[in-house]
Amino acid sequence: MFKPTKATSVSDYLTQLPLERKKTVEFLHVFIERAAPGLAPYFAYNMLGYGSFQYKNYKNQMIDWPIIALANQKNYISIYICAVQDDKYLAERYKDQLGKVSVGKSCIRLKKLDDINLEVLAEVIQIAAKKPGLI
């Protein structure tokens, strides 16, 4: 059963994951760290963030926002790729190559690890690490 986390750190977040998602999220956490070693992991906005950039939010405030984020949701695992290439979100640009996943703007949603093309995901993460941002 899905329960929102009360985590305050990366290790808290990983410890509190439901057993049925724990291995997948932990694998993706390590995978993201290896794909983009320059993006330091941290706990942000009830998800794991990797690296950050300055972003003007809907309140017109400048905030630090994760370049990559990883979140356990009720029905799936989300990987947020906050990067744009040629005026198109990277996740949308590569959606046909990412596998059996659902993609919306900067979000990649998967139910199991076998659904995603890890080679393409690594490429997308590496591009995002170099050119973060949102439209």
Foldseek 3Di string as FASTA:
>chain_A
DDDQAPDQWPVSLLVPDPPVCNVVLVVVVVLLCVLCVPFDWIDDPSWIATHWDWDQDPVRDTDTDGCWTWHDDDQWIKIFHQFDDPNAALCVVCVVVFAQWDDDGRITTDHDPVRTDSVVVSVSSNVSSVGGHHD
